[in-house]
Amino acid sequence: MKLFVIDRTTQQKIYLNLIASTRHELVNLIGSPWFNLNGQDFHVNDVIAETNANNIAAGAIFGGLIGLLGGPIGILAGGLIGGMLGNEGDKGESQKVNYLNSDRI
């Protein structure tokens, strides 16, 4: 999960180099509910989370590569299993993103 705020001048995303699952955890990492970034003051409630990447595709590719050892059937089985595992990872990350975005301090 990636965390960012929206620059009030450019409306561009400014990504934070922090990992937190809740806003309370974010406050503990920063040391305050308020922080300054690029000369602008933000509150932890201004922080937005988004998913990192598409784990389904990565899982399918990785599984397919592992499946190369088993020939065509192995590629298919590995890709399928890898895709299913990646899908579960995406679901878990989406739940974390939704939780942080709905959490307020």
C-alpha atoms as a PDB file:
ATOM      1  CA  MET A   1       0.000   0.000   0.000  1.00  0.00           C
ATOM      2  CA  LYS A   2       1.311   3.437  -0.943  1.00  0.00           C
ATOM      3  CA  LEU A   3       0.476   6.574   1.027  1.00  0.00           C
ATOM      4  CA  PHE A   4       0.244  10.036  -0.486  1.00  0.00           C
ATOM      5  CA  VAL A   5      -1.157  13.536  -0.076  1.00  0.00           C
ATOM      6  CA  ILE A   6      -2.348  15.892  -2.802  1.00  0.00           C
ATOM      7  CA  ASP A   7      -0.172  18.970  -3.373  1.00  0.00           C
ATOM      8  CA  ARG A   8      -2.536  21.909  -2.975  1.00  0.00           C
ATOM      9  CA  THR A   9      -0.763  23.936  -5.667  1.00  0.00           C
ATOM     10  CA  THR A  10      -0.161  21.394  -8.426  1.00  0.00           C
ATOM     11  CA  GLN A  11      -2.870  18.846  -7.501  1.00  0.00           C
ATOM     12  CA  GLN A  12      -0.186  16.151  -7.961  1.00  0.00           C
ATOM     13  CA  LYS A  13       0.286  13.186  -5.644  1.00  0.00           C
ATOM     14  CA  ILE A  14       3.173  13.468  -3.193  1.00  0.00           C
ATOM     15  CA  TYR A  15       4.091   9.976  -2.020  1.00  0.00           C
ATOM     16  CA  LEU A  16       5.183   9.436   1.562  1.00  0.00           C
ATOM     17  CA  ASN A  17       8.114   7.166   2.275  1.00  0.00           C
ATOM     18  CA  LEU A  18       6.253   5.605   5.206  1.00  0.00           C
ATOM     19  CA  ILE A  19       4.444   2.352   5.845  1.00  0.00           C
ATOM     20  CA  ALA A  20       1.418   2.440   8.135  1.00  0.00           C
ATOM     21  CA  SER A  21      -1.827   0.477   8.342  1.00  0.00           C
ATOM     22  CA  THR A  22      -3.805   3.049  10.344  1.00  0.00           C
ATOM     23  CA  ARG A  23      -3.754   6.794  10.888  1.00  0.00           C
ATOM     24  CA  HIS A  24      -2.835   6.235  14.546  1.00  0.00           C
ATOM     25  CA  GLU A  25       0.200   4.261  13.403  1.00  0.00           C
ATOM     26  CA  LEU A  26       1.035   7.107  11.023  1.00  0.00           C
ATOM     27  CA  VAL A  27       0.873   9.622  13.887  1.00  0.00           C
ATOM     28  CA  ASN A  28       3.265   7.427  15.891  1.00  0.00           C
ATOM     29  CA  LEU A  29       5.706   7.297  12.966  1.00  0.00           C
ATOM     30  CA  ILE A  30       5.566  11.040  12.290  1.00  0.00           C
ATOM     31  CA  GLY A  31       5.368  12.064  15.947  1.00  0.00           C
ATOM     32  CA  SER A  32       2.392  14.362  15.423  1.00  0.00           C
ATOM     33  CA  PRO A  33      -0.915  14.411  13.563  1.00  0.00           C
ATOM     34  CA  TRP A  34       0.435  17.404  11.590  1.00  0.00           C
ATOM     35  CA  PHE A  35       3.416  17.365   9.241  1.00  0.00           C
ATOM     36  CA  ASN A  36       5.035  19.692   6.712  1.00  0.00           C
ATOM     37  CA  LEU A  37       5.849  18.509   3.199  1.00  0.00           C
ATOM     38  CA  ASN A  38       7.093  20.722   0.343  1.00  0.00           C
ATOM     39  CA  GLY A  39       6.313  23.817   2.419  1.00  0.00           C
ATOM     40  CA  GLN A  40       2.696  22.789   2.990  1.00  0.00           C
ATOM     41  CA  ASP A  41       1.094  21.661   6.245  1.00  0.00           C
ATOM     42  CA  PHE A  42      -0.897  18.445   6.168  1.00  0.00           C
ATOM     43  CA  HIS A  43      -2.875  16.470   8.738  1.00  0.00           C
ATOM     44  CA  VAL A  44      -2.791  12.672   8.799  1.00  0.00           C
ATOM     45  CA  ASN A  45      -6.445  12.788   7.712  1.00  0.00           C
ATOM     46  CA  ASP A  46      -5.175  14.281   4.421  1.00  0.00           C
ATOM     47  CA  VAL A  47      -3.206  11.096   3.718  1.00  0.00           C
ATOM     48  CA  ILE A  48      -4.721   8.764   1.127  1.00  0.00           C
ATOM     49  CA  ALA A  49      -3.792   5.132   0.540  1.00  0.00           C
ATOM     50  CA  GLU A  50      -3.736   3.272  -2.764  1.00  0.00           C
ATOM     51  CA  THR A  51      -2.814  -0.267  -3.684  1.00  0.00           C
ATOM     52  CA  ASN A  52       0.783  -0.954  -4.650  1.00  0.00           C
ATOM     53  CA  ALA A  53       0.488  -3.030  -7.759  1.00  0.00           C
ATOM     54  CA  ASN A  54      -1.379  -5.785  -9.490  1.00  0.00           C
ATOM     55  CA  ASN A  55      -0.373  -8.953  -7.630  1.00  0.00           C
ATOM     56  CA  ILE A  56      -2.499 -11.170  -9.909  1.00  0.00           C
ATOM     57  CA  ALA A  57      -0.311 -10.528 -12.953  1.00  0.00           C
ATOM     58  CA  ALA A  58       2.921 -10.840 -10.980  1.00  0.00           C
ATOM     59  CA  GLY A  59       1.744 -14.082  -9.383  1.00  0.00           C
ATOM     60  CA  ALA A  60       0.678 -15.551 -12.719  1.00  0.00           C
ATOM     61  CA  ILE A  61       3.981 -14.666 -14.364  1.00  0.00           C
ATOM     62  CA  PHE A  62       6.018 -16.012 -11.452  1.00  0.00           C
ATOM     63  CA  GLY A  63       3.906 -19.170 -11.311  1.00  0.00           C
ATOM     64  CA  GLY A  64       4.254 -19.638 -15.062  1.00  0.00           C
ATOM     65  CA  LEU A  65       8.028 -19.307 -14.834  1.00  0.00           C
ATOM     66  CA  ILE A  66       8.147 -21.890 -12.062  1.00  0.00           C
ATOM     67  CA  GLY A  67       5.860 -24.068 -14.181  1.00  0.00           C
ATOM     68  CA  LEU A  68       8.415 -24.069 -17.002  1.00  0.00           C
ATOM     69  CA  LEU A  69       9.996 -26.967 -15.161  1.00  0.00           C
ATOM     70  CA  GLY A  70       6.854 -29.012 -15.775  1.00  0.00           C
ATOM     71  CA  GLY A  71       6.399 -28.234 -19.460  1.00  0.00           C
ATOM     72  CA  PRO A  72       3.216 -26.805 -21.002  1.00  0.00           C
ATOM     73  CA  ILE A  73       0.927 -28.272 -18.329  1.00  0.00           C
ATOM     74  CA  GLY A  74       3.269 -26.930 -15.622  1.00  0.00           C
ATOM     75  CA  ILE A  75       3.209 -23.440 -17.142  1.00  0.00           C
ATOM     76  CA  LEU A  76      -0.580 -23.453 -17.195  1.00  0.00           C
ATOM     77  CA  ALA A  77      -0.908 -24.864 -13.653  1.00  0.00           C
ATOM     78  CA  GLY A  78       1.800 -22.568 -12.264  1.00  0.00           C
ATOM     79  CA  GLY A  79       0.257 -19.512 -13.870  1.00  0.00           C
ATOM     80  CA  LEU A  80      -3.191 -20.408 -12.564  1.00  0.00           C
ATOM     81  CA  ILE A  81      -1.988 -21.058  -9.013  1.00  0.00           C
ATOM     82  CA  GLY A  82       0.200 -17.935  -9.042  1.00  0.00           C
ATOM     83  CA  GLY A  83      -2.728 -15.839 -10.283  1.00  0.00           C
ATOM     84  CA  MET A  84      -5.003 -17.149  -7.532  1.00  0.00           C
ATOM     85  CA  LEU A  85      -2.397 -16.381  -4.859  1.00  0.00           C
ATOM     86  CA  GLY A  86      -1.863 -12.912  -6.321  1.00  0.00           C
ATOM     87  CA  ASN A  87      -5.614 -12.320  -6.297  1.00  0.00           C
ATOM     88  CA  GLU A  88      -5.768 -13.095  -2.576  1.00  0.00           C
ATOM     89  CA  GLY A  89      -2.926 -10.632  -1.988  1.00  0.00           C
ATOM     90  CA  ASP A  90      -4.795  -7.947  -3.934  1.00  0.00           C
ATOM     91  CA  LYS A  91      -7.956  -8.531  -1.889  1.00  0.00           C
ATOM     92  CA  GLY A  92      -6.044  -8.220   1.387  1.00  0.00           C
ATOM     93  CA  GLU A  93      -4.313  -5.031   0.268  1.00  0.00           C
ATOM     94  CA  SER A  94      -7.607  -3.528  -0.930  1.00  0.00           C
ATOM     95  CA  GLN A  95      -9.129  -4.153   2.499  1.00  0.00           C
ATOM     96  CA  LYS A  96      -6.175  -2.383   4.168  1.00  0.00           C
ATOM     97  CA  VAL A  97      -6.464   0.558   1.748  1.00  0.00           C
ATOM     98  CA  ASN A  98     -10.220   0.879   2.378  1.00  0.00           C
ATOM     99  CA  TYR A  99      -9.689   0.710   6.143  1.00  0.00           C
ATOM    100  CA  LEU A 100      -7.020   3.433   6.203  1.00  0.00           C
ATOM    101  CA  ASN A 101      -9.007   5.689   3.866  1.00  0.00           C
ATOM    102  CA  SER A 102     -12.117   5.433   6.047  1.00  0.00           C
ATOM    103  CA  ASP A 103     -10.193   5.816   9.343  1.00  0.00           C
ATOM    104  CA  ARG A 104     -10.116   9.312  10.881  1.00  0.00           C
ATOM    105  CA  ILE A 105      -8.386  10.860  13.869  1.00  0.00           C
END
